[in-house]
Amino acid sequence: KGGNIIHHKITHDMHYEVELGVIIGKKASKISVDKVLDHVSGYTIAIDVTCRDLQEQCKLARSPWTLAKCLDTHCPVGSFIPFEQIDPFNTEIMLKVKQSD
């Protein structure tokens, strides 16, 4: 079961969004659009956390802004969902956030 996302002291502007993660099951390169789903083995839920203030600092310093996404606990993922169990084009995902004091 899940844990907590840490709000690190080095950031004051943390944003998050839920995403459907795609798990690629076999090697693919330069495949046609109609063959893409043949390479998907399943899905997962991920929470994309970005520290916007760190992202802006990285951009100004011409550093990789992805550094604003790589703090400990900032991309939790859920369990594996087999390909056959959901229709990714007709699935609603939702993120509920419980703020701590």
Protein backbone atom coordinates (compact mmCIF):
# COMPACT_ATOMS: atom_id res chain seq x y z
CA LYS A 1 0.00 0.00 0.00
CA GLY A 2 0.98 3.58 -0.58
CA GLY A 3 3.07 5.91 1.47
CA ASN A 4 3.50 9.63 1.72
CA ILE A 5 5.09 12.01 -0.75
CA ILE A 6 7.72 14.00 1.11
CA HIS A 7 7.52 17.78 0.85
CA HIS A 8 11.24 18.54 0.95
CA LYS A 9 12.39 21.75 2.61
CA ILE A 10 14.25 22.90 -0.52
CA THR A 11 10.99 23.57 -2.36
CA HIS A 12 7.99 25.75 -1.63
CA ASP A 13 6.04 25.23 -4.85
CA MET A 14 5.22 21.55 -5.35
CA HIS A 15 2.75 20.53 -8.07
CA TYR A 16 1.42 17.06 -8.79
CA GLU A 17 -0.75 15.27 -11.29
CA VAL A 18 -1.90 11.72 -11.80
CA GLU A 19 -0.92 9.92 -14.99
CA LEU A 20 -1.57 6.58 -16.59
CA GLY A 21 1.82 4.90 -16.96
CA VAL A 22 2.33 2.59 -19.94
CA ILE A 23 4.44 -0.53 -19.43
CA ILE A 24 6.18 -1.64 -22.58
CA GLY A 25 6.43 -5.42 -22.74
CA LYS A 26 8.61 -6.00 -25.77
CA LYS A 27 11.29 -4.11 -27.61
CA ALA A 28 10.06 -1.60 -30.16
CA SER A 29 11.57 1.01 -32.42
CA LYS A 30 10.07 2.95 -35.31
CA ILE A 31 6.82 0.99 -35.31
CA SER A 32 3.67 2.10 -37.05
CA VAL A 33 0.83 3.64 -35.06
CA ASP A 34 -1.42 0.64 -35.69
CA LYS A 35 1.18 -1.68 -34.03
CA VAL A 36 1.87 0.38 -30.90
CA LEU A 37 -0.54 -1.46 -28.60
CA ASP A 38 1.03 -4.78 -29.62
CA HIS A 39 4.02 -3.73 -27.52
CA VAL A 40 2.11 -2.68 -24.38
CA SER A 41 1.99 -5.31 -21.65
CA GLY A 42 0.08 -3.25 -19.10
CA TYR A 43 -0.44 -0.04 -17.22
CA THR A 44 0.12 1.55 -13.85
CA ILE A 45 -0.87 4.74 -12.08
CA ALA A 46 1.89 7.29 -11.45
CA ILE A 47 1.96 10.60 -9.63
CA ASP A 48 4.13 13.13 -11.43
CA VAL A 49 5.49 15.57 -8.83
CA THR A 50 7.31 18.71 -9.96
CA CYS A 51 8.90 21.36 -7.75
CA ARG A 52 8.09 24.41 -9.86
CA ASP A 53 10.48 26.76 -8.03
CA LEU A 54 13.37 24.33 -8.54
CA GLN A 55 12.35 23.87 -12.16
CA GLU A 56 12.56 27.62 -12.73
CA GLN A 57 15.98 27.80 -11.04
CA CYS A 58 17.23 24.99 -13.28
CA LYS A 59 15.93 26.71 -16.40
CA LEU A 60 17.66 29.97 -15.44
CA ALA A 61 20.92 28.12 -14.77
CA ARG A 62 20.55 26.19 -18.04
CA SER A 63 20.58 22.97 -16.03
CA PRO A 64 18.33 20.03 -16.82
CA TRP A 65 14.94 21.09 -15.46
CA THR A 66 14.12 17.44 -14.86
CA LEU A 67 16.10 17.84 -11.62
CA ALA A 68 12.90 19.40 -10.27
CA LYS A 69 11.19 16.01 -10.63
CA CYS A 70 13.72 13.65 -9.06
CA LEU A 71 13.50 14.16 -5.30
CA ASP A 72 12.92 11.16 -3.08
CA THR A 73 9.30 9.87 -3.28
CA HIS A 74 8.40 12.23 -6.15
CA CYS A 75 7.25 9.65 -8.70
CA PRO A 76 5.36 6.90 -6.90
CA VAL A 77 3.79 4.26 -9.12
CA GLY A 78 1.04 1.77 -8.45
CA SER A 79 0.65 -1.90 -9.15
CA PHE A 80 0.87 -3.53 -12.57
CA ILE A 81 -2.46 -3.62 -14.41
CA PRO A 82 -2.49 -6.19 -17.25
CA PHE A 83 -3.24 -4.84 -20.73
CA GLU A 84 -6.50 -6.78 -21.05
CA GLN A 85 -8.00 -5.39 -17.82
CA ILE A 86 -8.60 -1.78 -18.86
CA ASP A 87 -9.34 0.31 -21.91
CA PRO A 88 -6.83 3.20 -21.67
CA PHE A 89 -8.95 5.29 -24.04
CA ASN A 90 -12.03 4.97 -21.84
CA THR A 91 -10.61 5.03 -18.30
CA GLU A 92 -10.97 7.85 -15.82
CA ILE A 93 -8.20 8.37 -13.29
CA MET A 94 -8.34 10.72 -10.34
CA LEU A 95 -5.97 11.99 -7.68
CA LYS A 96 -7.21 12.96 -4.24
CA VAL A 97 -4.76 14.83 -2.04
CA LYS A 98 -4.86 14.83 1.73
CA GLN A 99 -2.90 17.83 2.96
CA SER A 100 -0.92 17.30 6.15
CA ASP A 101 -0.58 19.99 8.79
